[in-house]
Amino acid sequence: MTERELIEGCLKNNGKSQRRLFEEYAGKMMTVCRRYACDQTEAEDMLQEAFIKVFTNIGQYRFEGSLEGWIRRIVVHTALRALQKKKVRFVEINEDLESAQSANADALTTLSAEELLKLISALPDGYRIVFNLYVLEGYDHNEIAAMLDIGAATSRSQLSKARKLLQTQIENLKKLPKRYA
């Protein structure tokens, strides 16, 4: 079945087409949800809500760009709305961001993707959200500011603090004996 046929089936509310679309993209999109959610249950709720929106709005997909990218945008915006309902707050911080250090590249190469995901998931909400949007989703600070109703300086500050905290966590993991890491 081609992507177009799959989408046409979803437009007709064909259960098999919807299930196939879900099965094809749910794994990747769950990874996105896990990066924003505090736990697995919250991520599953985000994913379910996002796919309801995907199926409701599939007629708006114009076959421009990838279907996966279109679905990812819905998932990210759904996750952000869920977090806004939780009243995640971003503190305006005016400080010199030039002193921010990036994580040691050697330390990152020793971590598995799962370990890194756990560290990112443990970040405070504001840090985690901005880190995900900037580093993993590719949004710039002005776009993040507009999405989250914060200032661009706050976005930069949250990213800087997230990177510093991740660097500290990675360095602490490197100090542990291998069996505990």
Protein backbone atom coordinates (compact mmCIF):
# COMPACT_ATOMS: atom_id res chain seq x y z
CA MET A 1 0.00 0.00 0.00
CA THR A 2 1.43 3.40 -0.97
CA GLU A 3 1.49 6.38 1.36
CA ARG A 4 -1.22 8.07 -0.71
CA GLU A 5 -3.45 4.97 -0.52
CA LEU A 6 -2.85 4.79 3.22
CA ILE A 7 -3.87 8.42 3.67
CA GLU A 8 -6.91 8.01 1.42
CA GLY A 9 -7.96 5.02 3.54
CA CYS A 10 -7.59 7.13 6.70
CA LEU A 11 -9.71 9.86 5.10
CA LYS A 12 -12.44 7.25 4.66
CA ASN A 13 -12.09 6.23 8.34
CA ASN A 14 -10.88 2.80 7.25
CA GLY A 15 -9.78 1.05 10.44
CA LYS A 16 -7.11 -1.06 8.71
CA SER A 17 -5.52 2.03 7.17
CA GLN A 18 -5.61 3.87 10.47
CA ARG A 19 -4.06 0.92 12.29
CA ARG A 20 -1.34 0.59 9.65
CA LEU A 21 -0.51 4.31 9.82
CA PHE A 22 -0.40 4.13 13.61
CA GLU A 23 1.81 1.03 13.58
CA GLU A 24 4.18 2.60 11.08
CA TYR A 25 4.74 5.83 13.02
CA ALA A 26 3.80 5.16 16.64
CA GLY A 27 7.24 3.89 17.69
CA LYS A 28 9.08 6.95 16.42
CA MET A 29 6.46 9.30 17.80
CA MET A 30 6.50 7.57 21.19
CA THR A 31 10.20 8.42 21.36
CA VAL A 32 9.29 12.06 20.78
CA CYS A 33 6.58 11.93 23.48
CA ARG A 34 8.96 10.28 25.97
CA ARG A 35 11.35 13.20 25.57
CA TYR A 36 8.66 15.64 26.70
CA ALA A 37 6.77 13.52 29.22
CA CYS A 38 7.73 12.91 32.83
CA ASP A 39 6.86 9.21 32.65
CA GLN A 40 5.70 6.45 30.31
CA THR A 41 2.00 6.90 31.11
CA GLU A 42 2.12 10.60 30.30
CA ALA A 43 3.96 9.82 27.05
CA GLU A 44 1.31 7.27 26.08
CA ASP A 45 -1.44 9.82 26.75
CA MET A 46 0.39 12.38 24.59
CA LEU A 47 0.78 9.84 21.79
CA GLN A 48 -2.88 8.85 21.89
CA GLU A 49 -4.03 12.47 21.82
CA ALA A 50 -1.63 13.24 18.97
CA PHE A 51 -2.87 10.38 16.81
CA ILE A 52 -6.48 11.42 17.38
CA LYS A 53 -5.44 14.80 15.96
CA VAL A 54 -3.57 13.13 13.10
CA PHE A 55 -6.65 11.15 12.09
CA THR A 56 -8.97 14.12 12.58
CA ASN A 57 -6.76 16.41 10.47
CA ILE A 58 -5.31 13.98 7.92
CA GLY A 59 -7.23 15.84 5.20
CA GLN A 60 -4.98 18.85 5.81
CA TYR A 61 -1.85 16.93 4.77
CA ARG A 62 -0.94 18.26 1.32
CA PHE A 63 1.70 15.69 0.29
CA GLU A 64 4.32 18.42 0.60
CA GLY A 65 7.23 17.30 2.73
CA SER A 66 7.26 14.00 4.54
CA LEU A 67 4.23 12.53 6.24
CA GLU A 68 6.47 11.66 9.17
CA GLY A 69 7.47 15.32 9.54
CA TRP A 70 3.83 16.40 9.44
CA ILE A 71 2.92 13.84 12.11
CA ARG A 72 5.96 14.85 14.22
CA ARG A 73 4.82 18.50 14.25
CA ILE A 74 1.41 17.41 15.52
CA VAL A 75 3.02 15.22 18.18
CA VAL A 76 5.34 18.00 19.38
CA HIS A 77 2.53 20.56 19.55
CA THR A 78 0.27 18.06 21.34
CA ALA A 79 3.02 17.36 23.88
CA LEU A 80 3.56 21.08 24.44
CA ARG A 81 -0.17 21.65 24.98
CA ALA A 82 -0.27 18.81 27.50
CA LEU A 83 2.64 20.38 29.37
CA GLN A 84 0.99 23.81 29.28
CA LYS A 85 -2.06 22.27 30.94
CA LYS A 86 0.28 21.16 33.73
CA LYS A 87 1.24 24.83 34.10
CA VAL A 88 4.94 24.41 33.32
CA ARG A 89 6.56 27.75 34.10
CA PHE A 90 9.68 29.29 32.65
CA VAL A 91 11.59 31.70 34.81
CA GLU A 92 12.96 34.78 33.05
CA ILE A 93 16.68 34.85 33.74
CA ASN A 94 19.00 37.62 32.61
CA GLU A 95 22.54 36.39 32.81
CA ASP A 96 25.61 36.19 30.62
CA LEU A 97 25.10 33.10 28.50
CA GLU A 98 28.57 33.30 27.00
CA SER A 99 29.88 31.33 29.96
CA ALA A 100 27.77 28.31 29.06
CA GLN A 101 29.79 25.19 28.34
CA SER A 102 28.67 22.41 26.07
CA ALA A 103 28.80 18.78 27.13
CA ASN A 104 32.09 16.98 26.65
CA ALA A 105 31.86 15.12 23.32
CA ASP A 106 33.92 12.18 24.66
CA ALA A 107 31.49 11.73 27.54
CA LEU A 108 28.53 11.67 25.16
CA THR A 109 30.04 8.91 23.04
CA THR A 110 30.22 6.61 26.07
CA LEU A 111 26.48 6.87 26.73
CA SER A 112 23.86 4.73 25.05
CA ALA A 113 20.85 6.42 23.49
CA GLU A 114 18.70 5.03 26.31
CA GLU A 115 21.01 6.44 29.00
CA LEU A 116 21.01 9.84 27.33
CA LEU A 117 17.21 9.76 27.02
CA LYS A 118 16.95 9.02 30.75
CA LEU A 119 19.19 11.99 31.56
CA ILE A 120 17.16 14.28 29.32
CA SER A 121 13.91 12.98 30.85
CA ALA A 122 15.23 13.80 34.33
CA LEU A 123 15.76 17.47 33.48
CA PRO A 124 13.35 19.98 35.03
CA ASP A 125 10.36 20.58 32.75
CA GLY A 126 11.43 23.95 31.35
CA TYR A 127 14.97 22.79 30.63
CA ARG A 128 13.76 19.54 29.05
CA ILE A 129 11.20 21.21 26.81
CA VAL A 130 13.57 23.85 25.45
CA PHE A 131 16.41 21.33 25.06
CA ASN A 132 14.14 19.02 23.05
CA LEU A 133 12.77 21.79 20.86
CA TYR A 134 16.16 23.33 20.14
CA VAL A 135 18.55 20.38 20.00
CA LEU A 136 16.34 17.53 18.85
CA GLU A 137 13.55 19.23 16.88
CA GLY A 138 15.66 22.00 15.36
CA TYR A 139 13.58 25.04 16.29
CA ASP A 140 15.39 28.33 16.86
CA HIS A 141 14.98 30.42 20.02
CA ASN A 142 12.51 32.84 18.45
CA GLU A 143 10.28 29.95 17.34
CA ILE A 144 10.53 28.32 20.76
CA ALA A 145 9.68 31.64 22.43
CA ALA A 146 6.56 31.98 20.28
CA MET A 147 5.49 28.37 20.89
CA LEU A 148 5.92 28.58 24.66
CA ASP A 149 4.94 32.22 25.17
CA ILE A 150 8.31 33.09 26.70
CA GLY A 151 11.12 35.41 25.70
CA ALA A 152 13.90 34.30 23.38
CA ALA A 153 16.36 35.12 26.19
CA THR A 154 14.49 32.75 28.49
CA SER A 155 14.70 30.04 25.84
CA ARG A 156 18.47 30.56 25.54
CA SER A 157 18.84 30.56 29.31
CA GLN A 158 16.82 27.35 29.75
CA LEU A 159 18.93 25.67 27.04
CA SER A 160 22.16 26.83 28.66
CA LYS A 161 21.10 25.53 32.06
CA ALA A 162 19.92 22.22 30.54
CA ARG A 163 23.29 21.73 28.87
CA LYS A 164 25.16 22.54 32.07
CA LEU A 165 23.03 20.13 34.08
CA LEU A 166 23.42 17.37 31.48
CA GLN A 167 27.17 17.92 31.45
CA THR A 168 27.29 17.57 35.24
CA GLN A 169 25.16 14.42 35.14
CA ILE A 170 27.35 12.89 32.42
CA GLU A 171 30.52 13.71 34.34
CA ASN A 172 29.02 12.15 37.48
CA LEU A 173 28.16 8.99 35.53
CA LYS A 174 31.74 8.76 34.27
CA LYS A 175 32.98 8.79 37.88
CA LEU A 176 30.84 5.78 38.87
CA PRO A 177 32.27 2.28 38.61
CA LYS A 178 31.06 0.66 35.38
CA ARG A 179 28.67 -1.75 37.13
CA TYR A 180 26.67 1.23 38.54
CA ALA A 181 26.60 3.39 35.44
